[in-house]
């Protein structure tokens, strides 16, 4: 009974924490697709693909969503004309470049051990490296699930006779029906793993430069805490774990956790999610090891 109660409490807490940002992401997606003048976001972007993706990776400053809300927003960018790699670059960087995330990280750690700077630079670097890799894909729409790719094609071929309010309602219903079930399933899985995996095992690994980084990646994947508050969550571990492992948690968690994978599955194929998890994991671990050496 205690484990069941813990499971329900943890799962519900993830949903309660995430739901406002999911709704915010859907609303911002509607604004991008329906209410902004067509092509406004792309009008002043550089033509060079690398510079263009870097500018897009900074969109999170003006579109403050955490990882829960950036999935529907990234879907909206794809529908609105951005390429899949460009939208993916935004999606990976946005929860870290989010001004709320930056402020809370500074409040928790200040500039101690370079944690804040490493989080910002590392998050931008990982997003742009992965965007560059997928930008070399010859058929980027194959990265999407068949259902979402068909939805993009349907939207592109749709007529423009509907009112803006009608389109907004249609997008809200469609995105909610796609994202909400994934959120609930991901929250339940995150709660179950937290109940089954003893945290003492992770904490015992905190003083080792390599194992502390890997342990924090596992913790970030399991806990699935929102990027807006993850700095305060991990702050009590700072006295036990090395700075590099803290940075790994703060970079890997907002991009890849069990809740995010469930939500990302609404948009990207399983193969892409496996590739993303491996690449983000390796780059985050490398970042953490570098910080451990430098600090």
C-alpha atoms as a PDB file:
ATOM      1  CA  UNK A   1       0.000   0.000   0.000  1.00  0.00           C
ATOM      2  CA  UNK A   2       2.810   2.470   0.759  1.00  0.00           C
ATOM      3  CA  UNK A   3       4.445   1.835  -2.615  1.00  0.00           C
ATOM      4  CA  UNK A   4       1.134   2.283  -4.401  1.00  0.00           C
ATOM      5  CA  UNK A   5       0.563   5.535  -2.540  1.00  0.00           C
ATOM      6  CA  UNK A   6       4.078   6.707  -3.447  1.00  0.00           C
ATOM      7  CA  UNK A   7       3.448   5.748  -7.079  1.00  0.00           C
ATOM      8  CA  UNK A   8       0.244   7.783  -7.234  1.00  0.00           C
ATOM      9  CA  UNK A   9       1.785  10.752  -5.409  1.00  0.00           C
ATOM     10  CA  UNK A  10       4.880  10.877  -7.617  1.00  0.00           C
ATOM     11  CA  UNK A  11       2.924  10.383 -10.845  1.00  0.00           C
ATOM     12  CA  UNK A  12       0.363  13.047  -9.981  1.00  0.00           C
ATOM     13  CA  UNK A  13       3.122  15.480  -8.942  1.00  0.00           C
ATOM     14  CA  UNK A  14       4.793  15.109 -12.360  1.00  0.00           C
ATOM     15  CA  UNK A  15       1.451  15.747 -14.088  1.00  0.00           C
ATOM     16  CA  UNK A  16       0.588  18.762 -11.910  1.00  0.00           C
ATOM     17  CA  UNK A  17       4.052  20.249 -12.463  1.00  0.00           C
ATOM     18  CA  UNK A  18       4.042  19.634 -16.214  1.00  0.00           C
ATOM     19  CA  UNK A  19       0.448  20.336 -17.242  1.00  0.00           C
ATOM     20  CA  UNK A  20       0.563  24.178 -17.134  1.00  0.00           C
ATOM     21  CA  UNK A  21       3.640  24.211 -19.366  1.00  0.00           C
ATOM     22  CA  UNK A  22       2.124  21.702 -21.798  1.00  0.00           C
ATOM     23  CA  UNK A  23      -0.923  23.963 -22.142  1.00  0.00           C
ATOM     24  CA  UNK A  24       1.363  27.005 -22.528  1.00  0.00           C
ATOM     25  CA  UNK A  25       3.279  25.185 -25.251  1.00  0.00           C
ATOM     26  CA  UNK A  26       0.059  24.338 -27.109  1.00  0.00           C
ATOM     27  CA  UNK A  27      -1.138  27.951 -26.852  1.00  0.00           C
ATOM     28  CA  UNK A  28       2.194  29.293 -28.139  1.00  0.00           C
ATOM     29  CA  UNK A  29       2.032  26.736 -30.946  1.00  0.00           C
ATOM     30  CA  UNK A  30      -1.398  28.122 -31.887  1.00  0.00           C
ATOM     31  CA  UNK A  31      -0.015  31.677 -31.847  1.00  0.00           C
ATOM     32  CA  UNK A  32       2.861  30.653 -34.147  1.00  0.00           C
ATOM     33  CA  UNK A  33       0.622  28.746 -36.581  1.00  0.00           C
ATOM     34  CA  UNK A  34      -2.463  30.975 -36.670  1.00  0.00           C
ATOM     35  CA  UNK A  35      -2.009  34.437 -35.200  1.00  0.00           C
ATOM     36  CA  UNK A  36       1.477  35.550 -36.221  1.00  0.00           C
ATOM     37  CA  UNK A  37       1.889  36.981 -39.737  1.00  0.00           C
ATOM     38  CA  UNK A  38       3.018  34.232 -42.076  1.00  0.00           C
ATOM     39  CA  UNK A  39       6.791  33.924 -42.206  1.00  0.00           C
ATOM     40  CA  UNK A  40       7.398  36.426 -39.387  1.00  0.00           C
ATOM     41  CA  UNK A  41       9.712  34.159 -37.371  1.00  0.00           C
ATOM     42  CA  UNK A  42      11.722  33.239 -40.465  1.00  0.00           C
ATOM     43  CA  UNK A  43      11.905  36.701 -42.025  1.00  0.00           C
ATOM     44  CA  UNK A  44      15.083  37.904 -40.314  1.00  0.00           C
ATOM     45  CA  UNK A  45      16.909  34.576 -39.917  1.00  0.00           C
ATOM     46  CA  UNK A  46      20.306  34.144 -41.648  1.00  0.00           C
ATOM     47  CA  UNK A  47      20.416  32.107 -44.834  1.00  0.00           C
ATOM     48  CA  UNK A  48      23.442  30.104 -43.675  1.00  0.00           C
ATOM     49  CA  UNK A  49      22.056  26.855 -42.175  1.00  0.00           C
ATOM     50  CA  UNK A  50      24.461  26.776 -39.204  1.00  0.00           C
ATOM     51  CA  UNK A  51      23.873  30.412 -38.254  1.00  0.00           C
ATOM     52  CA  UNK A  52      20.162  29.962 -38.862  1.00  0.00           C
ATOM     53  CA  UNK A  53      19.924  26.997 -36.478  1.00  0.00           C
ATOM     54  CA  UNK A  54      21.959  28.861 -33.861  1.00  0.00           C
ATOM     55  CA  UNK A  55      19.517  31.775 -33.970  1.00  0.00           C
ATOM     56  CA  UNK A  56      16.601  29.342 -33.713  1.00  0.00           C
ATOM     57  CA  UNK A  57      18.237  27.717 -30.681  1.00  0.00           C
ATOM     58  CA  UNK A  58      17.936  31.120 -28.952  1.00  0.00           C
ATOM     59  CA  UNK A  59      14.168  31.316 -29.534  1.00  0.00           C
ATOM     60  CA  UNK A  60      13.642  29.896 -26.044  1.00  0.00           C
ATOM     61  CA  UNK A  61      14.534  33.327 -24.640  1.00  0.00           C
ATOM     62  CA  UNK A  62      11.412  34.804 -26.248  1.00  0.00           C
ATOM     63  CA  UNK A  63       9.266  31.648 -26.069  1.00  0.00           C
ATOM     64  CA  UNK A  64       9.703  30.598 -22.422  1.00  0.00           C
ATOM     65  CA  UNK A  65       8.561  26.985 -22.268  1.00  0.00           C
ATOM     66  CA  UNK A  66      10.137  24.138 -20.336  1.00  0.00           C
ATOM     67  CA  UNK A  67      10.650  20.689 -21.849  1.00  0.00           C
ATOM     68  CA  UNK A  68       6.992  19.797 -21.309  1.00  0.00           C
ATOM     69  CA  UNK A  69       5.715  22.642 -23.472  1.00  0.00           C
ATOM     70  CA  UNK A  70       8.359  22.726 -26.180  1.00  0.00           C
ATOM     71  CA  UNK A  71       7.145  19.500 -27.850  1.00  0.00           C
ATOM     72  CA  UNK A  72       3.803  20.945 -29.009  1.00  0.00           C
ATOM     73  CA  UNK A  73       5.539  24.224 -29.821  1.00  0.00           C
ATOM     74  CA  UNK A  74       8.181  22.451 -31.921  1.00  0.00           C
ATOM     75  CA  UNK A  75       5.384  20.580 -33.704  1.00  0.00           C
ATOM     76  CA  UNK A  76       3.813  23.960 -34.440  1.00  0.00           C
ATOM     77  CA  UNK A  77       7.097  25.275 -35.872  1.00  0.00           C
ATOM     78  CA  UNK A  78       7.305  22.290 -38.242  1.00  0.00           C
ATOM     79  CA  UNK A  79       3.734  22.888 -39.402  1.00  0.00           C
ATOM     80  CA  UNK A  80       4.563  26.609 -39.700  1.00  0.00           C
ATOM     81  CA  UNK A  81       7.371  26.006 -42.201  1.00  0.00           C
ATOM     82  CA  UNK A  82      10.529  25.298 -40.208  1.00  0.00           C
ATOM     83  CA  UNK A  83      12.530  22.244 -41.209  1.00  0.00           C
ATOM     84  CA  UNK A  84      12.585  19.218 -38.909  1.00  0.00           C
ATOM     85  CA  UNK A  85      16.269  19.783 -37.868  1.00  0.00           C
ATOM     86  CA  UNK A  86      15.557  23.463 -37.178  1.00  0.00           C
ATOM     87  CA  UNK A  87      12.555  22.651 -34.993  1.00  0.00           C
ATOM     88  CA  UNK A  88      14.553  19.919 -33.265  1.00  0.00           C
ATOM     89  CA  UNK A  89      17.337  22.413 -32.494  1.00  0.00           C
ATOM     90  CA  UNK A  90      14.804  24.745 -30.871  1.00  0.00           C
ATOM     91  CA  UNK A  91      13.192  21.875 -28.974  1.00  0.00           C
ATOM     92  CA  UNK A  92      16.478  20.715 -27.424  1.00  0.00           C
ATOM     93  CA  UNK A  93      17.748  24.189 -26.502  1.00  0.00           C
ATOM     94  CA  UNK A  94      14.530  25.908 -25.377  1.00  0.00           C
ATOM     95  CA  UNK A  95      14.136  24.386 -21.891  1.00  0.00           C
ATOM     96  CA  UNK A  96      17.720  25.355 -20.974  1.00  0.00           C
ATOM     97  CA  UNK A  97      17.726  28.819 -22.581  1.00  0.00           C
ATOM     98  CA  UNK A  98      14.357  29.536 -20.963  1.00  0.00           C
ATOM     99  CA  UNK A  99      14.869  32.745 -18.870  1.00  0.00           C
ATOM    100  CA  UNK A 100      13.050  31.168 -15.909  1.00  0.00           C
ATOM    101  CA  UNK A 101      15.438  28.206 -15.993  1.00  0.00           C
ATOM    102  CA  UNK A 102      18.469  30.505 -16.144  1.00  0.00           C
ATOM    103  CA  UNK A 103      17.227  32.607 -13.210  1.00  0.00           C
ATOM    104  CA  UNK A 104      16.421  29.592 -11.006  1.00  0.00           C
ATOM    105  CA  UNK A 105      19.784  27.983 -11.806  1.00  0.00           C
ATOM    106  CA  UNK A 106      21.543  31.209 -10.822  1.00  0.00           C
ATOM    107  CA  UNK A 107      19.505  31.423  -7.623  1.00  0.00           C
ATOM    108  CA  UNK A 108      20.486  27.863  -6.721  1.00  0.00           C
ATOM    109  CA  UNK A 109      24.178  27.864  -7.678  1.00  0.00           C
ATOM    110  CA  UNK A 110      25.191  31.411  -8.590  1.00  0.00           C
ATOM    111  CA  UNK A 111      28.402  31.164 -10.605  1.00  0.00           C
ATOM    112  CA  UNK A 112      29.929  28.481  -8.345  1.00  0.00           C
ATOM    113  CA  UNK A 113      32.080  25.920 -10.191  1.00  0.00           C
ATOM    114  CA  UNK A 114      30.841  27.251 -13.529  1.00  0.00           C
ATOM    115  CA  UNK A 115      27.615  25.233 -13.263  1.00  0.00           C
ATOM    116  CA  UNK A 116      25.356  27.950 -14.710  1.00  0.00           C
ATOM    117  CA  UNK A 117      27.716  28.843 -17.566  1.00  0.00           C
ATOM    118  CA  UNK A 118      28.362  25.182 -18.405  1.00  0.00           C
ATOM    119  CA  UNK A 119      24.626  24.511 -18.475  1.00  0.00           C
ATOM    120  CA  UNK A 120      23.892  27.346 -20.911  1.00  0.00           C
ATOM    121  CA  UNK A 121      26.872  26.763 -23.215  1.00  0.00           C
ATOM    122  CA  UNK A 122      26.546  22.978 -23.050  1.00  0.00           C
ATOM    123  CA  UNK A 123      22.812  23.040 -23.788  1.00  0.00           C
ATOM    124  CA  UNK A 124      23.293  25.322 -26.801  1.00  0.00           C
ATOM    125  CA  UNK A 125      26.210  23.236 -28.072  1.00  0.00           C
ATOM    126  CA  UNK A 126      24.340  19.931 -27.816  1.00  0.00           C
ATOM    127  CA  UNK A 127      21.235  21.343 -29.520  1.00  0.00           C
ATOM    128  CA  UNK A 128      23.239  22.791 -32.412  1.00  0.00           C
ATOM    129  CA  UNK A 129      25.435  19.702 -32.860  1.00  0.00           C
ATOM    130  CA  UNK A 130      22.375  17.457 -33.101  1.00  0.00           C
ATOM    131  CA  UNK A 131      20.612  19.960 -35.359  1.00  0.00           C
ATOM    132  CA  UNK A 132      23.675  19.950 -37.630  1.00  0.00           C
ATOM    133  CA  UNK A 133      23.769  16.143 -37.737  1.00  0.00           C
ATOM    134  CA  UNK A 134      20.093  15.806 -38.627  1.00  0.00           C
ATOM    135  CA  UNK A 135      20.426  18.740 -41.024  1.00  0.00           C
ATOM    136  CA  UNK A 136      22.544  16.441 -43.192  1.00  0.00           C
ATOM    137  CA  UNK A 137      19.609  14.007 -43.526  1.00  0.00           C
ATOM    138  CA  UNK A 138      18.452  13.890 -47.144  1.00  0.00           C
ATOM    139  CA  UNK A 139      14.777  13.199 -46.293  1.00  0.00           C
ATOM    140  CA  UNK A 140      14.110  14.863 -42.919  1.00  0.00           C
ATOM    141  CA  UNK A 141      10.369  14.125 -42.956  1.00  0.00           C
ATOM    142  CA  UNK A 142      11.284  10.455 -42.488  1.00  0.00           C
ATOM    143  CA  UNK A 143      12.348  11.438 -38.953  1.00  0.00           C
ATOM    144  CA  UNK A 144       8.674  12.055 -38.116  1.00  0.00           C
ATOM    145  CA  UNK A 145       6.053   9.488 -37.277  1.00  0.00           C
ATOM    146  CA  UNK A 146       3.826   8.681 -40.281  1.00  0.00           C
ATOM    147  CA  UNK A 147       0.818  10.072 -38.415  1.00  0.00           C
ATOM    148  CA  UNK A 148       2.405  13.471 -37.732  1.00  0.00           C
ATOM    149  CA  UNK A 149       3.944  13.667 -41.218  1.00  0.00           C
ATOM    150  CA  UNK A 150       0.491  13.047 -42.699  1.00  0.00           C
ATOM    151  CA  UNK A 151      -0.940  15.710 -40.387  1.00  0.00           C
ATOM    152  CA  UNK A 152       1.655  18.235 -41.616  1.00  0.00           C
ATOM    153  CA  UNK A 153       0.771  17.409 -45.220  1.00  0.00           C
ATOM    154  CA  UNK A 154      -2.937  17.774 -44.446  1.00  0.00           C
ATOM    155  CA  UNK A 155      -2.409  21.164 -42.814  1.00  0.00           C
ATOM    156  CA  UNK A 156      -0.277  22.379 -45.730  1.00  0.00           C
ATOM    157  CA  UNK A 157      -2.979  21.378 -48.178  1.00  0.00           C
ATOM    158  CA  UNK A 158      -5.883  22.650 -46.096  1.00  0.00           C
ATOM    159  CA  UNK A 159      -7.957  25.565 -47.289  1.00  0.00           C
ATOM    160  CA  UNK A 160      -7.846  28.934 -45.580  1.00  0.00           C
ATOM    161  CA  UNK A 161     -11.586  29.562 -45.331  1.00  0.00           C
ATOM    162  CA  UNK A 162     -11.838  28.719 -41.641  1.00  0.00           C
ATOM    163  CA  UNK A 163     -11.748  31.517 -39.100  1.00  0.00           C
ATOM    164  CA  UNK A 164      -8.674  31.968 -36.929  1.00  0.00           C
ATOM    165  CA  UNK A 165     -10.662  31.006 -33.855  1.00  0.00           C
ATOM    166  CA  UNK A 166     -11.861  27.847 -35.567  1.00  0.00           C
ATOM    167  CA  UNK A 167      -8.307  26.920 -36.556  1.00  0.00           C
ATOM    168  CA  UNK A 168      -7.092  27.663 -33.029  1.00  0.00           C
ATOM    169  CA  UNK A 169      -9.713  25.376 -31.500  1.00  0.00           C
ATOM    170  CA  UNK A 170      -8.924  22.635 -34.002  1.00  0.00           C
ATOM    171  CA  UNK A 171      -5.189  22.815 -33.220  1.00  0.00           C
ATOM    172  CA  UNK A 172      -5.821  22.854 -29.456  1.00  0.00           C
ATOM    173  CA  UNK A 173      -8.003  19.734 -29.641  1.00  0.00           C
ATOM    174  CA  UNK A 174      -5.616  17.941 -31.991  1.00  0.00           C
ATOM    175  CA  UNK A 175      -2.466  18.731 -29.999  1.00  0.00           C
ATOM    176  CA  UNK A 176      -4.121  17.960 -26.651  1.00  0.00           C
ATOM    177  CA  UNK A 177      -5.329  14.575 -27.878  1.00  0.00           C
ATOM    178  CA  UNK A 178      -1.791  13.757 -29.059  1.00  0.00           C
ATOM    179  CA  UNK A 179       0.246  15.117 -26.133  1.00  0.00           C
ATOM    180  CA  UNK A 180      -1.920  14.544 -23.029  1.00  0.00           C
ATOM    181  CA  UNK A 181      -2.018  10.710 -23.145  1.00  0.00           C
ATOM    182  CA  UNK A 182       1.755  10.647 -23.607  1.00  0.00           C
ATOM    183  CA  UNK A 183       2.169  12.969 -20.607  1.00  0.00           C
ATOM    184  CA  UNK A 184       0.046  10.721 -18.374  1.00  0.00           C
ATOM    185  CA  UNK A 185       1.831   7.544 -19.503  1.00  0.00           C
ATOM    186  CA  UNK A 186       5.251   9.157 -19.044  1.00  0.00           C
ATOM    187  CA  UNK A 187       4.326  10.465 -15.582  1.00  0.00           C
ATOM    188  CA  UNK A 188       3.125   7.031 -14.515  1.00  0.00           C
ATOM    189  CA  UNK A 189       6.334   5.405 -15.784  1.00  0.00           C
ATOM    190  CA  UNK A 190       8.473   8.027 -14.027  1.00  0.00           C
ATOM    191  CA  UNK A 191       6.607   7.428 -10.766  1.00  0.00           C
ATOM    192  CA  UNK A 192       6.959   3.647 -11.075  1.00  0.00           C
ATOM    193  CA  UNK A 193      10.708   3.790 -11.649  1.00  0.00           C
ATOM    194  CA  UNK A 194      11.203   6.152  -8.707  1.00  0.00           C
ATOM    195  CA  UNK A 195       9.361   3.692  -6.461  1.00  0.00           C
ATOM    196  CA  UNK A 196      11.363   0.698  -7.703  1.00  0.00           C
ATOM    197  CA  UNK A 197      14.892   2.191  -7.940  1.00  0.00           C
ATOM    198  CA  UNK A 198      16.500   2.969  -4.551  1.00  0.00           C
ATOM    199  CA  UNK A 199      17.995   6.480  -4.535  1.00  0.00           C
ATOM    200  CA  UNK A 200      20.648   5.318  -2.049  1.00  0.00           C
ATOM    201  CA  UNK A 201      22.266   3.381  -4.884  1.00  0.00           C
ATOM    202  CA  UNK A 202      22.653   6.582  -6.903  1.00  0.00           C
ATOM    203  CA  UNK A 203      23.889   8.712  -4.002  1.00  0.00           C
ATOM    204  CA  UNK A 204      26.588   6.161  -3.127  1.00  0.00           C
ATOM    205  CA  UNK A 205      28.178   6.781  -6.531  1.00  0.00           C
ATOM    206  CA  UNK A 206      28.416  10.558  -6.121  1.00  0.00           C
ATOM    207  CA  UNK A 207      32.114  10.957  -5.306  1.00  0.00           C
ATOM    208  CA  UNK A 208      33.468   9.120  -8.348  1.00  0.00           C
ATOM    209  CA  UNK A 209      34.201  11.437 -11.348  1.00  0.00           C
ATOM    210  CA  UNK A 210      32.806   8.958 -13.899  1.00  0.00           C
ATOM    211  CA  UNK A 211      30.151   7.096 -11.948  1.00  0.00           C
ATOM    212  CA  UNK A 212      28.751  10.321 -10.490  1.00  0.00           C
ATOM    213  CA  UNK A 213      28.093  11.597 -14.025  1.00  0.00           C
ATOM    214  CA  UNK A 214      26.380   8.359 -15.060  1.00  0.00           C
ATOM    215  CA  UNK A 215      24.389   8.233 -11.821  1.00  0.00           C
ATOM    216  CA  UNK A 216      23.097  11.773 -12.376  1.00  0.00           C
ATOM    217  CA  UNK A 217      22.035  10.874 -15.912  1.00  0.00           C
ATOM    218  CA  UNK A 218      20.031   7.970 -14.532  1.00  0.00           C
ATOM    219  CA  UNK A 219      18.548  10.193 -11.829  1.00  0.00           C
ATOM    220  CA  UNK A 220      17.572  12.872 -14.386  1.00  0.00           C
ATOM    221  CA  UNK A 221      15.964  10.237 -16.614  1.00  0.00           C
ATOM    222  CA  UNK A 222      13.974   8.746 -13.741  1.00  0.00           C
ATOM    223  CA  UNK A 223      12.912  11.851 -11.814  1.00  0.00           C
ATOM    224  CA  UNK A 224      11.589  13.744 -14.874  1.00  0.00           C
ATOM    225  CA  UNK A 225      11.477  17.053 -12.999  1.00  0.00           C
ATOM    226  CA  UNK A 226      10.634  20.271 -14.866  1.00  0.00           C
ATOM    227  CA  UNK A 227      13.634  22.321 -16.048  1.00  0.00           C
ATOM    228  CA  UNK A 228      12.214  25.424 -14.349  1.00  0.00           C
ATOM    229  CA  UNK A 229      12.753  23.903 -10.903  1.00  0.00           C
ATOM    230  CA  UNK A 230      15.346  21.151 -11.450  1.00  0.00           C
ATOM    231  CA  UNK A 231      18.166  23.336 -10.063  1.00  0.00           C
ATOM    232  CA  UNK A 232      16.443  23.532  -6.690  1.00  0.00           C
ATOM    233  CA  UNK A 233      15.730  19.803  -6.783  1.00  0.00           C
ATOM    234  CA  UNK A 234      19.377  18.898  -7.346  1.00  0.00           C
ATOM    235  CA  UNK A 235      20.831  21.532  -5.003  1.00  0.00           C
ATOM    236  CA  UNK A 236      20.857  19.202  -1.928  1.00  0.00           C
ATOM    237  CA  UNK A 237      23.019  16.755  -3.920  1.00  0.00           C
ATOM    238  CA  UNK A 238      25.683  19.407  -4.579  1.00  0.00           C
ATOM    239  CA  UNK A 239      27.501  18.589  -1.346  1.00  0.00           C
ATOM    240  CA  UNK A 240      27.728  14.900  -2.315  1.00  0.00           C
ATOM    241  CA  UNK A 241      28.169  14.928  -6.094  1.00  0.00           C
ATOM    242  CA  UNK A 242      30.918  16.552  -8.162  1.00  0.00           C
ATOM    243  CA  UNK A 243      30.103  19.743 -10.157  1.00  0.00           C
ATOM    244  CA  UNK A 244      30.348  17.947 -13.502  1.00  0.00           C
ATOM    245  CA  UNK A 245      27.690  15.460 -12.496  1.00  0.00           C
ATOM    246  CA  UNK A 246      25.385  18.320 -11.443  1.00  0.00           C
ATOM    247  CA  UNK A 247      25.868  19.926 -14.871  1.00  0.00           C
ATOM    248  CA  UNK A 248      25.116  16.596 -16.537  1.00  0.00           C
ATOM    249  CA  UNK A 249      21.843  16.369 -14.609  1.00  0.00           C
ATOM    250  CA  UNK A 250      20.910  19.957 -15.550  1.00  0.00           C
ATOM    251  CA  UNK A 251      21.647  19.409 -19.257  1.00  0.00           C
ATOM    252  CA  UNK A 252      20.566  15.815 -19.871  1.00  0.00           C
ATOM    253  CA  UNK A 253      17.323  15.943 -17.865  1.00  0.00           C
ATOM    254  CA  UNK A 254      15.583  18.788 -19.744  1.00  0.00           C
ATOM    255  CA  UNK A 255      16.304  17.087 -23.078  1.00  0.00           C
ATOM    256  CA  UNK A 256      15.830  13.390 -22.320  1.00  0.00           C
ATOM    257  CA  UNK A 257      13.804  11.849 -19.518  1.00  0.00           C
ATOM    258  CA  UNK A 258      11.199   9.128 -19.419  1.00  0.00           C
ATOM    259  CA  UNK A 259       8.299  11.597 -19.617  1.00  0.00           C
ATOM    260  CA  UNK A 260       9.881  13.451 -22.527  1.00  0.00           C
ATOM    261  CA  UNK A 261      10.442  10.254 -24.510  1.00  0.00           C
ATOM    262  CA  UNK A 262       6.747   9.418 -24.198  1.00  0.00           C
ATOM    263  CA  UNK A 263       5.841  12.896 -25.449  1.00  0.00           C
ATOM    264  CA  UNK A 264       8.461  12.903 -28.213  1.00  0.00           C
ATOM    265  CA  UNK A 265       7.077   9.604 -29.503  1.00  0.00           C
ATOM    266  CA  UNK A 266       4.037  11.554 -30.723  1.00  0.00           C
ATOM    267  CA  UNK A 267       6.325  13.321 -33.210  1.00  0.00           C
ATOM    268  CA  UNK A 268       9.481  11.301 -33.914  1.00  0.00           C
ATOM    269  CA  UNK A 269      10.046   7.647 -34.787  1.00  0.00           C
ATOM    270  CA  UNK A 270      11.414   5.175 -32.249  1.00  0.00           C
ATOM    271  CA  UNK A 271      14.685   4.985 -34.179  1.00  0.00           C
ATOM    272  CA  UNK A 272      15.168   8.750 -33.899  1.00  0.00           C
ATOM    273  CA  UNK A 273      14.424   8.672 -30.167  1.00  0.00           C
ATOM    274  CA  UNK A 274      17.060   5.969 -29.624  1.00  0.00           C
ATOM    275  CA  UNK A 275      19.576   8.002 -31.625  1.00  0.00           C
ATOM    276  CA  UNK A 276      18.699  11.178 -29.694  1.00  0.00           C
ATOM    277  CA  UNK A 277      19.033   9.435 -26.329  1.00  0.00           C
ATOM    278  CA  UNK A 278      22.448   8.001 -27.190  1.00  0.00           C
ATOM    279  CA  UNK A 279      23.826  11.236 -28.678  1.00  0.00           C
ATOM    280  CA  UNK A 280      22.500  13.513 -25.927  1.00  0.00           C
ATOM    281  CA  UNK A 281      23.720  11.042 -23.302  1.00  0.00           C
ATOM    282  CA  UNK A 282      27.250  10.887 -24.717  1.00  0.00           C
ATOM    283  CA  UNK A 283      27.518  14.659 -25.178  1.00  0.00           C
ATOM    284  CA  UNK A 284      26.111  15.358 -21.695  1.00  0.00           C
ATOM    285  CA  UNK A 285      28.509  12.858 -20.124  1.00  0.00           C
ATOM    286  CA  UNK A 286      31.433  14.409 -22.004  1.00  0.00           C
ATOM    287  CA  UNK A 287      30.382  17.852 -20.780  1.00  0.00           C
ATOM    288  CA  UNK A 288      30.180  16.611 -17.190  1.00  0.00           C
ATOM    289  CA  UNK A 289      33.601  14.957 -17.366  1.00  0.00           C
ATOM    290  CA  UNK A 290      35.165  18.149 -18.768  1.00  0.00           C
ATOM    291  CA  UNK A 291      33.629  20.227 -15.972  1.00  0.00           C
ATOM    292  CA  UNK A 292      34.938  17.730 -13.391  1.00  0.00           C
ATOM    293  CA  UNK A 293      38.444  18.056 -14.813  1.00  0.00           C
ATOM    294  CA  UNK A 294      38.341  21.857 -15.038  1.00  0.00           C
ATOM    295  CA  UNK A 295      36.631  22.389 -11.676  1.00  0.00           C
END
